[in-house]
């Protein structure tokens, strides 16, 4: 993503298979939030593509992407102490129904990543 000359992400490419649980770590300013903003439709990338189950999702609105099964949570300064770790994570998932949660889709960022 190019923010007027400052490149937040460059040549990002990965694939998450159905059922996988993946973490993303990095230093402050490394582009983690920008990456999630792109995947969830909050920002449109300046180059590259994002696919969900083989369908390009760049250009869809955040609510359209949520309907496809992709959502995000935000960091809580204080977790709910009477909740398990899983329950604290699920607080931010609008489609949570009380059952177990797994990745039900395949997500890929293709060919040179989101940005070039």
C-alpha atoms as a PDB file:
ATOM      1  CA  UNK A   1       0.000   0.000   0.000  1.00  0.00           C
ATOM      2  CA  UNK A   2       1.448   3.310  -1.023  1.00  0.00           C
ATOM      3  CA  UNK A   3       0.628   6.190   1.304  1.00  0.00           C
ATOM      4  CA  UNK A   4       1.974   9.087  -0.740  1.00  0.00           C
ATOM      5  CA  UNK A   5       5.430   7.589  -1.166  1.00  0.00           C
ATOM      6  CA  UNK A   6       5.549   5.569   2.071  1.00  0.00           C
ATOM      7  CA  UNK A   7       5.117   1.892   1.180  1.00  0.00           C
ATOM      8  CA  UNK A   8       3.435  -0.022   4.004  1.00  0.00           C
ATOM      9  CA  UNK A   9       3.542  -3.490   2.391  1.00  0.00           C
ATOM     10  CA  UNK A  10       5.532  -4.866  -0.516  1.00  0.00           C
ATOM     11  CA  UNK A  11       5.453  -8.302  -2.168  1.00  0.00           C
ATOM     12  CA  UNK A  12       3.236  -9.961   0.430  1.00  0.00           C
ATOM     13  CA  UNK A  13       2.141 -13.415  -0.642  1.00  0.00           C
ATOM     14  CA  UNK A  14       0.640 -16.264   1.375  1.00  0.00           C
ATOM     15  CA  UNK A  15      -2.100 -18.866   1.321  1.00  0.00           C
ATOM     16  CA  UNK A  16      -4.215 -20.114   4.213  1.00  0.00           C
ATOM     17  CA  UNK A  17      -5.890 -23.474   3.676  1.00  0.00           C
ATOM     18  CA  UNK A  18      -9.339 -24.385   4.956  1.00  0.00           C
ATOM     19  CA  UNK A  19      -9.149 -25.378   8.629  1.00  0.00           C
ATOM     20  CA  UNK A  20      -5.787 -23.703   9.279  1.00  0.00           C
ATOM     21  CA  UNK A  21      -5.258 -21.373  12.205  1.00  0.00           C
ATOM     22  CA  UNK A  22      -2.563 -18.804  11.471  1.00  0.00           C
ATOM     23  CA  UNK A  23      -1.025 -15.996  13.492  1.00  0.00           C
ATOM     24  CA  UNK A  24       0.572 -12.821  12.178  1.00  0.00           C
ATOM     25  CA  UNK A  25       3.236 -11.116  14.263  1.00  0.00           C
ATOM     26  CA  UNK A  26       5.504  -8.176  13.605  1.00  0.00           C
ATOM     27  CA  UNK A  27       6.906  -4.971  15.006  1.00  0.00           C
ATOM     28  CA  UNK A  28       4.859  -1.808  15.355  1.00  0.00           C
ATOM     29  CA  UNK A  29       4.581  -0.211  11.925  1.00  0.00           C
ATOM     30  CA  UNK A  30       5.317  -3.439  10.036  1.00  0.00           C
ATOM     31  CA  UNK A  31       1.976  -3.335   8.208  1.00  0.00           C
ATOM     32  CA  UNK A  32      -0.102  -5.910  10.103  1.00  0.00           C
ATOM     33  CA  UNK A  33      -3.147  -3.653  10.437  1.00  0.00           C
ATOM     34  CA  UNK A  34      -2.814  -2.461   6.844  1.00  0.00           C
ATOM     35  CA  UNK A  35      -2.755  -6.088   5.679  1.00  0.00           C
ATOM     36  CA  UNK A  36      -5.938  -6.861   7.618  1.00  0.00           C
ATOM     37  CA  UNK A  37      -7.548  -3.654   6.326  1.00  0.00           C
ATOM     38  CA  UNK A  38      -6.880  -4.871   2.764  1.00  0.00           C
ATOM     39  CA  UNK A  39      -8.155  -8.403   3.404  1.00  0.00           C
ATOM     40  CA  UNK A  40     -11.338  -7.148   5.088  1.00  0.00           C
ATOM     41  CA  UNK A  41     -12.094  -4.450   2.502  1.00  0.00           C
ATOM     42  CA  UNK A  42     -11.468  -1.433   4.721  1.00  0.00           C
ATOM     43  CA  UNK A  43      -8.743  -0.261   2.318  1.00  0.00           C
ATOM     44  CA  UNK A  44      -8.251  -1.017  -1.354  1.00  0.00           C
ATOM     45  CA  UNK A  45      -4.712  -2.067  -2.328  1.00  0.00           C
ATOM     46  CA  UNK A  46      -2.726   0.035  -4.757  1.00  0.00           C
ATOM     47  CA  UNK A  47      -1.687  -3.182  -6.555  1.00  0.00           C
ATOM     48  CA  UNK A  48      -2.219  -6.928  -6.278  1.00  0.00           C
ATOM     49  CA  UNK A  49      -5.137  -9.236  -5.575  1.00  0.00           C
ATOM     50  CA  UNK A  50      -6.815 -10.987  -2.655  1.00  0.00           C
ATOM     51  CA  UNK A  51      -8.701 -14.243  -3.241  1.00  0.00           C
ATOM     52  CA  UNK A  52     -11.157 -16.096  -1.018  1.00  0.00           C
ATOM     53  CA  UNK A  53     -12.061 -19.603  -2.195  1.00  0.00           C
ATOM     54  CA  UNK A  54     -10.736 -18.704  -5.656  1.00  0.00           C
ATOM     55  CA  UNK A  55     -12.827 -15.509  -5.909  1.00  0.00           C
ATOM     56  CA  UNK A  56     -11.149 -12.119  -5.997  1.00  0.00           C
ATOM     57  CA  UNK A  57     -12.519  -9.997  -3.150  1.00  0.00           C
ATOM     58  CA  UNK A  58     -10.693  -6.701  -3.773  1.00  0.00           C
ATOM     59  CA  UNK A  59     -13.381  -4.090  -4.351  1.00  0.00           C
ATOM     60  CA  UNK A  60     -16.009  -5.752  -2.171  1.00  0.00           C
ATOM     61  CA  UNK A  61     -17.267  -3.760   0.791  1.00  0.00           C
ATOM     62  CA  UNK A  62     -16.394  -4.882   4.329  1.00  0.00           C
ATOM     63  CA  UNK A  63     -19.954  -6.093   4.956  1.00  0.00           C
ATOM     64  CA  UNK A  64     -19.865  -8.155   1.740  1.00  0.00           C
ATOM     65  CA  UNK A  65     -16.589  -9.739   2.861  1.00  0.00           C
ATOM     66  CA  UNK A  66     -18.063 -10.510   6.305  1.00  0.00           C
ATOM     67  CA  UNK A  67     -20.944 -12.328   4.577  1.00  0.00           C
ATOM     68  CA  UNK A  68     -18.316 -14.496   2.855  1.00  0.00           C
ATOM     69  CA  UNK A  69     -16.977 -15.518   6.271  1.00  0.00           C
ATOM     70  CA  UNK A  70     -14.034 -13.174   6.835  1.00  0.00           C
ATOM     71  CA  UNK A  71     -14.079 -10.911   9.861  1.00  0.00           C
ATOM     72  CA  UNK A  72     -11.565  -9.345  12.189  1.00  0.00           C
ATOM     73  CA  UNK A  73     -11.216  -8.587  15.833  1.00  0.00           C
ATOM     74  CA  UNK A  74      -9.476  -5.634  17.391  1.00  0.00           C
ATOM     75  CA  UNK A  75      -7.073  -5.687  20.281  1.00  0.00           C
ATOM     76  CA  UNK A  76      -8.847  -5.399  23.593  1.00  0.00           C
ATOM     77  CA  UNK A  77      -6.874  -3.550  26.220  1.00  0.00           C
ATOM     78  CA  UNK A  78      -8.438  -5.779  28.874  1.00  0.00           C
ATOM     79  CA  UNK A  79      -9.862  -9.230  28.119  1.00  0.00           C
ATOM     80  CA  UNK A  80     -13.045 -10.441  29.724  1.00  0.00           C
ATOM     81  CA  UNK A  81     -11.548 -12.223  32.746  1.00  0.00           C
ATOM     82  CA  UNK A  82     -14.367 -14.760  33.077  1.00  0.00           C
ATOM     83  CA  UNK A  83     -14.025 -15.810  29.410  1.00  0.00           C
ATOM     84  CA  UNK A  84     -11.648 -18.379  27.937  1.00  0.00           C
ATOM     85  CA  UNK A  85      -9.110 -17.251  25.331  1.00  0.00           C
ATOM     86  CA  UNK A  86     -11.375 -18.633  22.585  1.00  0.00           C
ATOM     87  CA  UNK A  87     -14.415 -16.823  23.974  1.00  0.00           C
ATOM     88  CA  UNK A  88     -12.471 -13.528  24.114  1.00  0.00           C
ATOM     89  CA  UNK A  89     -11.469 -13.925  20.457  1.00  0.00           C
ATOM     90  CA  UNK A  90     -15.004 -14.857  19.420  1.00  0.00           C
ATOM     91  CA  UNK A  91     -16.456 -11.697  20.992  1.00  0.00           C
ATOM     92  CA  UNK A  92     -15.425  -9.869  17.797  1.00  0.00           C
ATOM     93  CA  UNK A  93     -16.897 -12.385  15.363  1.00  0.00           C
ATOM     94  CA  UNK A  94     -20.371 -11.236  14.353  1.00  0.00           C
ATOM     95  CA  UNK A  95     -21.358 -14.673  13.038  1.00  0.00           C
ATOM     96  CA  UNK A  96     -20.382 -16.591  16.180  1.00  0.00           C
ATOM     97  CA  UNK A  97     -23.076 -19.093  17.140  1.00  0.00           C
ATOM     98  CA  UNK A  98     -21.571 -20.743  20.193  1.00  0.00           C
ATOM     99  CA  UNK A  99     -20.135 -23.752  18.368  1.00  0.00           C
ATOM    100  CA  UNK A 100     -16.519 -24.371  17.534  1.00  0.00           C
ATOM    101  CA  UNK A 101     -14.939 -22.006  15.056  1.00  0.00           C
ATOM    102  CA  UNK A 102     -12.590 -23.001  12.248  1.00  0.00           C
ATOM    103  CA  UNK A 103     -11.447 -21.406   9.052  1.00  0.00           C
ATOM    104  CA  UNK A 104     -14.093 -22.412   6.546  1.00  0.00           C
ATOM    105  CA  UNK A 105     -12.504 -20.786   3.528  1.00  0.00           C
ATOM    106  CA  UNK A 106      -9.220 -20.637   1.686  1.00  0.00           C
ATOM    107  CA  UNK A 107      -7.572 -17.217   1.506  1.00  0.00           C
ATOM    108  CA  UNK A 108      -4.742 -16.306  -0.839  1.00  0.00           C
ATOM    109  CA  UNK A 109      -2.823 -13.202  -1.743  1.00  0.00           C
ATOM    110  CA  UNK A 110      -1.477 -13.868  -5.201  1.00  0.00           C
ATOM    111  CA  UNK A 111       1.338 -13.095  -7.642  1.00  0.00           C
ATOM    112  CA  UNK A 112       3.804 -10.760  -6.026  1.00  0.00           C
ATOM    113  CA  UNK A 113       1.514 -10.072  -3.127  1.00  0.00           C
ATOM    114  CA  UNK A 114      -0.882  -7.265  -2.621  1.00  0.00           C
ATOM    115  CA  UNK A 115       1.621  -4.589  -3.517  1.00  0.00           C
ATOM    116  CA  UNK A 116       4.467  -4.255  -5.962  1.00  0.00           C
END
